Structures are given as C-alpha cells and as structure tokens.
Amino acid sequence: MLSDQAVPPEPAPPPRPPGLLVWLHVSAGVPAEAVGRLVARLGEERADLSVLLTGAVALPDAQERLMNALAPADSGAATARFLSHWQPTLFLWAGAGTDDAGLWPRLMRELHRRAVPVVLAGAVIGRRNLRRWRWWPGRARAVLAPVVAAFAGERSAVKRLIALGMAPERVALAGPLRSDAEPPACDIRARQQMAARLEGRPVWLAAEVWPDEEHEYVAAQRLAQRSARRLLLVLAPCDPGRGALLASAL
C-alpha cells in the first residue's frame, strides 16, 4: 500500500513552442485518418503553426510541429493551469458535442475569458443537451460565446446551435469528420466561379455518359425544364474530349 507515501507530482509538460499554437481536441468517434488529414492541412496553411493534440486520437510525435498531450481535468484549476502553460492561439474541437460531456461549460467560459477563439468541427447537439440548455438560455449563450465558427456534423445541429443563441452566419453544415479520401485538387478560382453560377439552382448530374446516350439526357433535360425552368444538367461524357463538341452542339 502507498497510503503512507507521498503522491508523486504530475510530470511537467514540455515547453510551449514559439509562434501560433492550435489546440486540437478530438472527441470519441472521430477517425484517426480524418484527424491526420486535418493536422496536415493546418500545417499546409501555416508553416509556423504548431498543433497540440488531445482527446480520443493520438498521432505519432514524429510529425513536425505536433505534440500529443492529455486534456485537462474538468476542474477550474486544471483548466486554468493547462491554458496558462500552452496559451493556445485557437481551440479547434473535432466532433464537439458527440460525447456525454457535451460542450464542457467550464472550459468554454475560461476560453472566452482569455479571448481564445473556438472553432467547432463536426459539431453535434443532442436532444438531451438541447433540452438542458434551453432551461438556462443565458448559460448556453455564455458557453457558445467564444465560438467564432461552427461546422455542424448534421442538419439538426445547425438548427440547435442557432436555437441556443449562435448567430446563423457563424453556423454551416459541413457533415461529420470522416476517413474518406482527399478530394482531388482543382483550380480554386474556377471552382468559386462555378459555385456562384450554381447557387440556388437545382442540379442533376449525368456521369459517364456514352456517345449514343447523350441525346437522351439532353432530351430529358429539355422536357424537365418545362416545369423547372432553372434546372441545370451537368453532362459528363465518358470521353472528356467530347466536351467541347457537346458544348457547341447544345
């Protein structure tokens, strides 16, 4: 038994690296592959940025400017000690709200007090948490006060975050964090221009269309436009080289 022995102190954390530091906390259920890609993307955005990773996923420390650590205990003293040492530039919460702990009111209030911005990724607000916070709307607004952007993991979370007091312009539906493959690279400016043209329009995609099928899709589009004038057909032929020919024919 160790009852008559002194409890060893907690090991001192490593020193905080210089420059920007993103504290990335990962809730249970978020795939490690998705976290790895997120860390890599952060490094691509800013070469001088370090990432402190806590929560349900650990990544190899060999990655440059990445540190694994334990999240602080749910107490005011532990939270303050953790934040005073690491002094995060940003708190990024992956899978926020997906565990039973909800949105950690004590931590969120302390982040707000220290003016640390918070971004929620793949956020989920369960019905139980929604009912609980609706009894204390002032507390809900205080918990969400440091959140500068919330990317909801499901459509219901968008409505619930807004119902709890978040400004609609700070909430967007992004879907859950998954271990899917990276999307292919593209011309960002061309993509933005296309997105602007498609905004608000119903779109249907005909992919891998053979030459002898093309006229059928075009005829179906013209028929459908009689009742849906703004309907847009995206026709992707099997042979990409036929794109210019199709465009001129249409």
C-alpha atoms as a PDB file:
ATOM      1  CA  MET A   1       0.000   0.000   0.000  1.00  0.00           C
ATOM      2  CA  LEU A   2       1.103   3.536  -0.718  1.00  0.00           C
ATOM      3  CA  SER A   3      -1.090   5.369   1.750  1.00  0.00           C
ATOM      4  CA  ASP A   4       1.887   6.487   3.820  1.00  0.00           C
ATOM      5  CA  GLN A   5       3.911   7.630   0.847  1.00  0.00           C
ATOM      6  CA  ALA A   6       3.821  10.969  -0.874  1.00  0.00           C
ATOM      7  CA  VAL A   7       1.861  11.077  -4.112  1.00  0.00           C
ATOM      8  CA  PRO A   8       4.304  11.800  -6.924  1.00  0.00           C
ATOM      9  CA  PRO A   9       3.670  15.112  -8.659  1.00  0.00           C
ATOM     10  CA  GLU A  10       2.377  15.222 -12.199  1.00  0.00           C
ATOM     11  CA  PRO A  11       5.181  15.354 -14.753  1.00  0.00           C
ATOM     12  CA  ALA A  12       5.865  18.820 -16.064  1.00  0.00           C
ATOM     13  CA  PRO A  13       4.559  19.385 -19.596  1.00  0.00           C
ATOM     14  CA  PRO A  14       7.043  20.131 -22.367  1.00  0.00           C
ATOM     15  CA  PRO A  15       7.685  23.798 -23.107  1.00  0.00           C
ATOM     16  CA  ARG A  16       5.306  25.640 -25.366  1.00  0.00           C
ATOM     17  CA  PRO A  17       6.745  26.068 -28.866  1.00  0.00           C
ATOM     18  CA  PRO A  18       7.076  29.612 -30.196  1.00  0.00           C
ATOM     19  CA  GLY A  19       4.587  31.036 -32.643  1.00  0.00           C
ATOM     20  CA  LEU A  20       0.993  30.076 -33.337  1.00  0.00           C
ATOM     21  CA  LEU A  21      -0.444  27.087 -31.485  1.00  0.00           C
ATOM     22  CA  VAL A  22      -3.727  25.353 -32.331  1.00  0.00           C
ATOM     23  CA  TRP A  23      -5.122  23.166 -29.592  1.00  0.00           C
ATOM     24  CA  LEU A  24      -6.966  20.368 -31.406  1.00  0.00           C
ATOM     25  CA  HIS A  25      -9.199  18.279 -29.164  1.00  0.00           C
ATOM     26  CA  VAL A  26     -10.776  15.152 -30.655  1.00  0.00           C
ATOM     27  CA  SER A  27     -13.948  13.574 -29.287  1.00  0.00           C
ATOM     28  CA  ALA A  28     -14.633   9.841 -29.417  1.00  0.00           C
ATOM     29  CA  GLY A  29     -15.772   8.504 -32.765  1.00  0.00           C
ATOM     30  CA  VAL A  30     -13.690  10.783 -34.987  1.00  0.00           C
ATOM     31  CA  PRO A  31     -11.492   8.619 -37.286  1.00  0.00           C
ATOM     32  CA  ALA A  32      -7.743   8.930 -36.823  1.00  0.00           C
ATOM     33  CA  GLU A  33      -7.321   9.293 -40.603  1.00  0.00           C
ATOM     34  CA  ALA A  34      -9.546  12.367 -40.596  1.00  0.00           C
ATOM     35  CA  VAL A  35      -7.556  13.868 -37.726  1.00  0.00           C
ATOM     36  CA  GLY A  36      -4.276  13.200 -39.535  1.00  0.00           C
ATOM     37  CA  ARG A  37      -5.518  14.972 -42.649  1.00  0.00           C
ATOM     38  CA  LEU A  38      -6.769  17.879 -40.577  1.00  0.00           C
ATOM     39  CA  VAL A  39      -3.366  18.268 -38.919  1.00  0.00           C
ATOM     40  CA  ALA A  40      -1.652  18.090 -42.308  1.00  0.00           C
ATOM     41  CA  ARG A  41      -3.998  20.717 -43.725  1.00  0.00           C
ATOM     42  CA  LEU A  42      -3.277  23.054 -40.824  1.00  0.00           C
ATOM     43  CA  GLY A  43       0.445  22.673 -41.492  1.00  0.00           C
ATOM     44  CA  GLU A  44      -0.074  23.483 -45.164  1.00  0.00           C
ATOM     45  CA  GLU A  45      -1.902  26.680 -44.276  1.00  0.00           C
ATOM     46  CA  ARG A  46       0.805  27.980 -41.921  1.00  0.00           C
ATOM     47  CA  ALA A  47       4.312  26.540 -41.791  1.00  0.00           C
ATOM     48  CA  ASP A  48       4.956  28.323 -38.472  1.00  0.00           C
ATOM     49  CA  LEU A  49       1.929  26.735 -36.781  1.00  0.00           C
ATOM     50  CA  SER A  50       2.169  24.054 -34.089  1.00  0.00           C
ATOM     51  CA  VAL A  51      -0.628  21.655 -33.123  1.00  0.00           C
ATOM     52  CA  LEU A  52      -1.327  20.383 -29.612  1.00  0.00           C
ATOM     53  CA  LEU A  53      -3.447  17.225 -29.889  1.00  0.00           C
ATOM     54  CA  THR A  54      -5.613  15.910 -27.048  1.00  0.00           C
ATOM     55  CA  GLY A  55      -8.555  13.570 -26.773  1.00  0.00           C
ATOM     56  CA  ALA A  56      -9.517  10.239 -28.313  1.00  0.00           C
ATOM     57  CA  VAL A  57      -6.823  10.158 -31.017  1.00  0.00           C
ATOM     58  CA  ALA A  58      -3.032  10.263 -30.770  1.00  0.00           C
ATOM     59  CA  LEU A  59      -0.750  10.699 -33.767  1.00  0.00           C
ATOM     60  CA  PRO A  60       2.976   9.923 -34.000  1.00  0.00           C
ATOM     61  CA  ASP A  61       5.047  12.623 -32.325  1.00  0.00           C
ATOM     62  CA  ALA A  62       7.493  12.313 -35.200  1.00  0.00           C
ATOM     63  CA  GLN A  63       5.284  14.637 -37.221  1.00  0.00           C
ATOM     64  CA  GLU A  64       6.820  18.064 -37.340  1.00  0.00           C
ATOM     65  CA  ARG A  65       5.298  20.674 -35.011  1.00  0.00           C
ATOM     66  CA  LEU A  66       2.836  18.167 -33.482  1.00  0.00           C
ATOM     67  CA  MET A  67       2.580  17.340 -29.781  1.00  0.00           C
ATOM     68  CA  ASN A  68       0.289  14.847 -28.034  1.00  0.00           C
ATOM     69  CA  ALA A  69      -0.966  15.649 -24.545  1.00  0.00           C
ATOM     70  CA  LEU A  70      -3.701  14.800 -22.070  1.00  0.00           C
ATOM     71  CA  ALA A  71      -6.675  17.136 -21.933  1.00  0.00           C
ATOM     72  CA  PRO A  72      -7.071  18.971 -18.621  1.00  0.00           C
ATOM     73  CA  ALA A  73      -9.299  17.509 -15.942  1.00  0.00           C
ATOM     74  CA  ASP A  74     -12.768  19.017 -15.655  1.00  0.00           C
ATOM     75  CA  SER A  75     -11.885  21.450 -12.896  1.00  0.00           C
ATOM     76  CA  GLY A  76     -11.267  25.165 -12.831  1.00  0.00           C
ATOM     77  CA  ALA A  77      -7.722  24.831 -11.503  1.00  0.00           C
ATOM     78  CA  ALA A  78      -6.658  22.189 -14.031  1.00  0.00           C
ATOM     79  CA  THR A  79      -8.195  24.115 -16.923  1.00  0.00           C
ATOM     80  CA  ALA A  80      -6.531  27.364 -15.903  1.00  0.00           C
ATOM     81  CA  ARG A  81      -3.168  25.651 -15.421  1.00  0.00           C
ATOM     82  CA  PHE A  82      -3.395  23.982 -18.851  1.00  0.00           C
ATOM     83  CA  LEU A  83      -4.339  27.188 -20.663  1.00  0.00           C
ATOM     84  CA  SER A  84      -1.742  29.269 -18.830  1.00  0.00           C
ATOM     85  CA  HIS A  85       1.008  26.910 -19.931  1.00  0.00           C
ATOM     86  CA  TRP A  86       0.015  26.286 -23.544  1.00  0.00           C
ATOM     87  CA  GLN A  87      -1.622  29.647 -24.329  1.00  0.00           C
ATOM     88  CA  PRO A  88      -3.391  28.371 -27.468  1.00  0.00           C
ATOM     89  CA  THR A  89      -3.973  30.756 -30.330  1.00  0.00           C
ATOM     90  CA  LEU A  90      -7.095  28.807 -31.322  1.00  0.00           C
ATOM     91  CA  PHE A  91      -9.103  25.932 -29.880  1.00  0.00           C
ATOM     92  CA  LEU A  92     -10.355  23.540 -32.580  1.00  0.00           C
ATOM     93  CA  TRP A  93     -12.782  20.920 -31.328  1.00  0.00           C
ATOM     94  CA  ALA A  94     -13.273  17.954 -33.677  1.00  0.00           C
ATOM     95  CA  GLY A  95     -16.524  16.113 -33.023  1.00  0.00           C
ATOM     96  CA  ALA A  96     -17.726  18.669 -30.491  1.00  0.00           C
ATOM     97  CA  GLY A  97     -20.742  17.526 -28.516  1.00  0.00           C
ATOM     98  CA  THR A  98     -20.606  13.894 -29.646  1.00  0.00           C
ATOM     99  CA  ASP A  99     -19.687  12.564 -26.207  1.00  0.00           C
ATOM    100  CA  ASP A 100     -21.692  12.611 -22.987  1.00  0.00           C
ATOM    101  CA  ALA A 101     -19.776  15.594 -21.625  1.00  0.00           C
ATOM    102  CA  GLY A 102     -21.486  17.966 -24.038  1.00  0.00           C
ATOM    103  CA  LEU A 103     -19.701  21.255 -24.632  1.00  0.00           C
ATOM    104  CA  TRP A 104     -17.669  21.492 -21.399  1.00  0.00           C
ATOM    105  CA  PRO A 105     -19.087  24.746 -19.941  1.00  0.00           C
ATOM    106  CA  ARG A 106     -16.179  25.375 -17.572  1.00  0.00           C
ATOM    107  CA  LEU A 107     -13.598  25.139 -20.353  1.00  0.00           C
ATOM    108  CA  MET A 108     -15.619  27.224 -22.805  1.00  0.00           C
ATOM    109  CA  ARG A 109     -16.135  30.017 -20.295  1.00  0.00           C
ATOM    110  CA  GLU A 110     -12.425  30.072 -19.458  1.00  0.00           C
ATOM    111  CA  LEU A 111     -11.516  30.211 -23.153  1.00  0.00           C
ATOM    112  CA  HIS A 112     -13.877  33.146 -23.557  1.00  0.00           C
ATOM    113  CA  ARG A 113     -12.365  34.903 -20.554  1.00  0.00           C
ATOM    114  CA  ARG A 114      -8.911  34.548 -22.113  1.00  0.00           C
ATOM    115  CA  ALA A 115     -10.154  35.669 -25.557  1.00  0.00           C
ATOM    116  CA  VAL A 116      -9.208  32.359 -27.202  1.00  0.00           C
ATOM    117  CA  PRO A 117     -11.375  31.828 -30.311  1.00  0.00           C
ATOM    118  CA  VAL A 118     -13.079  28.460 -30.719  1.00  0.00           C
ATOM    119  CA  VAL A 119     -13.987  26.547 -33.890  1.00  0.00           C
ATOM    120  CA  LEU A 120     -16.287  23.526 -33.719  1.00  0.00           C
ATOM    121  CA  ALA A 121     -15.852  20.884 -36.445  1.00  0.00           C
ATOM    122  CA  GLY A 122     -18.350  18.082 -36.974  1.00  0.00           C
ATOM    123  CA  ALA A 123     -20.410  19.517 -34.119  1.00  0.00           C
ATOM    124  CA  VAL A 124     -23.433  17.600 -32.831  1.00  0.00           C
ATOM    125  CA  ILE A 125     -26.012  18.849 -30.333  1.00  0.00           C
ATOM    126  CA  GLY A 126     -28.145  16.018 -28.975  1.00  0.00           C
ATOM    127  CA  ARG A 127     -31.760  16.466 -27.938  1.00  0.00           C
ATOM    128  CA  ARG A 128     -30.895  15.951 -24.286  1.00  0.00           C
ATOM    129  CA  ASN A 129     -28.283  18.709 -24.366  1.00  0.00           C
ATOM    130  CA  LEU A 130     -30.692  20.986 -26.228  1.00  0.00           C
ATOM    131  CA  ARG A 131     -33.430  20.486 -23.621  1.00  0.00           C
ATOM    132  CA  ARG A 132     -30.978  21.010 -20.778  1.00  0.00           C
ATOM    133  CA  TRP A 133     -29.554  24.255 -22.173  1.00  0.00           C
ATOM    134  CA  ARG A 134     -32.972  25.671 -23.021  1.00  0.00           C
ATOM    135  CA  TRP A 135     -33.695  25.833 -19.304  1.00  0.00           C
ATOM    136  CA  TRP A 136     -30.710  28.194 -18.925  1.00  0.00           C
ATOM    137  CA  PRO A 137     -30.513  30.267 -22.134  1.00  0.00           C
ATOM    138  CA  GLY A 138     -28.056  32.672 -20.539  1.00  0.00           C
ATOM    139  CA  ARG A 139     -25.647  29.848 -19.747  1.00  0.00           C
ATOM    140  CA  ALA A 140     -25.976  28.450 -23.254  1.00  0.00           C
ATOM    141  CA  ARG A 141     -25.037  31.805 -24.773  1.00  0.00           C
ATOM    142  CA  ALA A 142     -22.095  32.078 -22.371  1.00  0.00           C
ATOM    143  CA  VAL A 143     -20.829  28.618 -23.343  1.00  0.00           C
ATOM    144  CA  LEU A 144     -21.058  29.422 -27.055  1.00  0.00           C
ATOM    145  CA  ALA A 145     -19.668  32.953 -26.699  1.00  0.00           C
ATOM    146  CA  PRO A 146     -16.069  32.078 -27.739  1.00  0.00           C
ATOM    147  CA  VAL A 147     -17.213  30.130 -30.826  1.00  0.00           C
ATOM    148  CA  VAL A 148     -16.329  32.077 -33.971  1.00  0.00           C
ATOM    149  CA  ALA A 149     -17.419  29.312 -36.373  1.00  0.00           C
ATOM    150  CA  ALA A 150     -19.341  26.057 -36.020  1.00  0.00           C
ATOM    151  CA  PHE A 151     -19.279  23.429 -38.759  1.00  0.00           C
ATOM    152  CA  ALA A 152     -22.180  21.159 -37.910  1.00  0.00           C
ATOM    153  CA  GLY A 153     -21.908  17.423 -38.365  1.00  0.00           C
ATOM    154  CA  GLU A 154     -25.604  17.040 -39.162  1.00  0.00           C
ATOM    155  CA  ARG A 155     -28.512  19.203 -40.257  1.00  0.00           C
ATOM    156  CA  SER A 156     -30.246  19.103 -36.872  1.00  0.00           C
ATOM    157  CA  ALA A 157     -27.129  20.537 -35.216  1.00  0.00           C
ATOM    158  CA  VAL A 158     -27.389  23.670 -37.374  1.00  0.00           C
ATOM    159  CA  LYS A 159     -30.897  24.388 -36.073  1.00  0.00           C
ATOM    160  CA  ARG A 160     -29.990  23.544 -32.489  1.00  0.00           C
ATOM    161  CA  LEU A 161     -26.868  25.709 -32.392  1.00  0.00           C
ATOM    162  CA  ILE A 162     -28.885  28.649 -33.701  1.00  0.00           C
ATOM    163  CA  ALA A 163     -31.669  27.891 -31.208  1.00  0.00           C
ATOM    164  CA  LEU A 164     -29.091  28.059 -28.406  1.00  0.00           C
ATOM    165  CA  GLY A 165     -28.045  31.548 -29.458  1.00  0.00           C
ATOM    166  CA  MET A 166     -25.375  31.258 -32.148  1.00  0.00           C
ATOM    167  CA  ALA A 167     -25.585  33.763 -34.986  1.00  0.00           C
ATOM    168  CA  PRO A 168     -26.761  31.986 -38.175  1.00  0.00           C
ATOM    169  CA  GLU A 169     -23.873  33.389 -40.201  1.00  0.00           C
ATOM    170  CA  ARG A 170     -21.432  31.570 -37.899  1.00  0.00           C
ATOM    171  CA  VAL A 171     -23.019  28.148 -38.415  1.00  0.00           C
ATOM    172  CA  ALA A 172     -22.622  25.974 -41.516  1.00  0.00           C
ATOM    173  CA  LEU A 173     -23.477  22.388 -42.377  1.00  0.00           C
ATOM    174  CA  ALA A 174     -20.258  20.518 -43.174  1.00  0.00           C
ATOM    175  CA  GLY A 175     -21.086  16.928 -42.228  1.00  0.00           C
ATOM    176  CA  PRO A 176     -19.197  14.633 -39.846  1.00  0.00           C
ATOM    177  CA  LEU A 177     -15.442  14.206 -39.979  1.00  0.00           C
ATOM    178  CA  ARG A 178     -14.794  11.021 -41.934  1.00  0.00           C
ATOM    179  CA  SER A 179     -11.858   8.954 -43.136  1.00  0.00           C
ATOM    180  CA  ASP A 180     -12.788   9.451 -46.793  1.00  0.00           C
ATOM    181  CA  ALA A 181     -10.197  10.119 -49.463  1.00  0.00           C
ATOM    182  CA  GLU A 182      -8.994  13.640 -50.066  1.00  0.00           C
ATOM    183  CA  PRO A 183     -10.881  15.472 -52.822  1.00  0.00           C
ATOM    184  CA  PRO A 184      -8.823  15.965 -55.980  1.00  0.00           C
ATOM    185  CA  ALA A 185      -7.017  19.244 -56.484  1.00  0.00           C
ATOM    186  CA  CYS A 186      -8.706  21.887 -58.604  1.00  0.00           C
ATOM    187  CA  ASP A 187      -8.480  25.474 -59.780  1.00  0.00           C
ATOM    188  CA  ILE A 188      -9.928  27.273 -56.751  1.00  0.00           C
ATOM    189  CA  ARG A 189     -10.906  30.377 -58.720  1.00  0.00           C
ATOM    190  CA  ALA A 190     -12.719  28.320 -61.368  1.00  0.00           C
ATOM    191  CA  ARG A 191     -14.480  26.361 -58.647  1.00  0.00           C
ATOM    192  CA  GLN A 192     -15.645  29.549 -56.935  1.00  0.00           C
ATOM    193  CA  GLN A 193     -16.952  30.926 -60.226  1.00  0.00           C
ATOM    194  CA  MET A 194     -18.865  27.715 -60.902  1.00  0.00           C
ATOM    195  CA  ALA A 195     -20.270  27.660 -57.369  1.00  0.00           C
ATOM    196  CA  ALA A 196     -21.532  31.227 -57.836  1.00  0.00           C
ATOM    197  CA  ARG A 197     -23.298  30.235 -61.058  1.00  0.00           C
ATOM    198  CA  LEU A 198     -24.879  27.170 -59.467  1.00  0.00           C
ATOM    199  CA  GLU A 199     -26.031  28.900 -56.290  1.00  0.00           C
ATOM    200  CA  GLY A 200     -29.740  28.410 -55.734  1.00  0.00           C
ATOM    201  CA  ARG A 201     -30.250  26.272 -58.836  1.00  0.00           C
ATOM    202  CA  PRO A 202     -31.385  22.624 -58.816  1.00  0.00           C
ATOM    203  CA  VAL A 203     -28.713  20.479 -60.480  1.00  0.00           C
ATOM    204  CA  TRP A 204     -28.637  16.895 -61.701  1.00  0.00           C
ATOM    205  CA  LEU A 205     -25.553  15.035 -62.863  1.00  0.00           C
ATOM    206  CA  ALA A 206     -25.319  12.568 -65.733  1.00  0.00           C
ATOM    207  CA  ALA A 207     -21.921  10.910 -65.320  1.00  0.00           C
ATOM    208  CA  GLU A 208     -20.010   8.504 -67.566  1.00  0.00           C
ATOM    209  CA  VAL A 209     -22.417   9.071 -70.468  1.00  0.00           C
ATOM    210  CA  TRP A 210     -21.731   7.131 -73.658  1.00  0.00           C
ATOM    211  CA  PRO A 211     -21.990   8.958 -77.026  1.00  0.00           C
ATOM    212  CA  ASP A 212     -25.164   7.125 -78.055  1.00  0.00           C
ATOM    213  CA  GLU A 213     -26.823   8.145 -74.763  1.00  0.00           C
ATOM    214  CA  GLU A 214     -26.043  11.858 -74.868  1.00  0.00           C
ATOM    215  CA  HIS A 215     -29.103  12.861 -76.889  1.00  0.00           C
ATOM    216  CA  GLU A 216     -31.366  11.026 -74.430  1.00  0.00           C
ATOM    217  CA  TYR A 217     -30.095  13.058 -71.479  1.00  0.00           C
ATOM    218  CA  VAL A 218     -30.386  16.297 -73.438  1.00  0.00           C
ATOM    219  CA  ALA A 219     -33.975  15.442 -74.387  1.00  0.00           C
ATOM    220  CA  ALA A 220     -34.790  14.593 -70.760  1.00  0.00           C
ATOM    221  CA  GLN A 221     -33.323  17.922 -69.640  1.00  0.00           C
ATOM    222  CA  ARG A 222     -35.419  19.899 -72.113  1.00  0.00           C
ATOM    223  CA  LEU A 223     -38.537  18.042 -71.041  1.00  0.00           C
ATOM    224  CA  ALA A 224     -37.835  18.623 -67.349  1.00  0.00           C
ATOM    225  CA  GLN A 225     -37.200  22.338 -67.918  1.00  0.00           C
ATOM    226  CA  ARG A 226     -40.801  22.806 -68.960  1.00  0.00           C
ATOM    227  CA  SER A 227     -41.777  22.532 -65.298  1.00  0.00           C
ATOM    228  CA  ALA A 228     -38.434  23.502 -63.707  1.00  0.00           C
ATOM    229  CA  ARG A 229     -37.020  26.351 -65.749  1.00  0.00           C
ATOM    230  CA  ARG A 230     -33.870  26.801 -63.637  1.00  0.00           C
ATOM    231  CA  LEU A 231     -32.952  23.107 -63.625  1.00  0.00           C
ATOM    232  CA  LEU A 232     -29.364  22.570 -64.739  1.00  0.00           C
ATOM    233  CA  LEU A 233     -27.903  19.427 -66.290  1.00  0.00           C
ATOM    234  CA  VAL A 234     -24.227  18.616 -65.748  1.00  0.00           C
ATOM    235  CA  LEU A 235     -23.339  16.184 -68.529  1.00  0.00           C
ATOM    236  CA  ALA A 236     -20.055  14.308 -68.062  1.00  0.00           C
ATOM    237  CA  PRO A 237     -19.261  12.168 -71.129  1.00  0.00           C
ATOM    238  CA  CYS A 238     -17.159   9.028 -70.909  1.00  0.00           C
ATOM    239  CA  ASP A 239     -14.712  10.683 -73.270  1.00  0.00           C
ATOM    240  CA  PRO A 240     -13.739  14.086 -71.806  1.00  0.00           C
ATOM    241  CA  GLY A 241     -12.528  15.086 -75.254  1.00  0.00           C
ATOM    242  CA  ARG A 242     -16.145  15.300 -76.408  1.00  0.00           C
ATOM    243  CA  GLY A 243     -16.868  18.146 -74.012  1.00  0.00           C
ATOM    244  CA  ALA A 244     -16.143  20.961 -76.472  1.00  0.00           C
ATOM    245  CA  LEU A 245     -18.139  19.224 -79.229  1.00  0.00           C
ATOM    246  CA  LEU A 246     -21.132  18.766 -76.952  1.00  0.00           C
ATOM    247  CA  ALA A 247     -20.969  22.369 -75.771  1.00  0.00           C
ATOM    248  CA  SER A 248     -21.065  23.677 -79.342  1.00  0.00           C
ATOM    249  CA  ALA A 249     -23.916  21.323 -80.284  1.00  0.00           C
ATOM    250  CA  LEU A 250     -26.040  22.417 -77.351  1.00  0.00           C
END
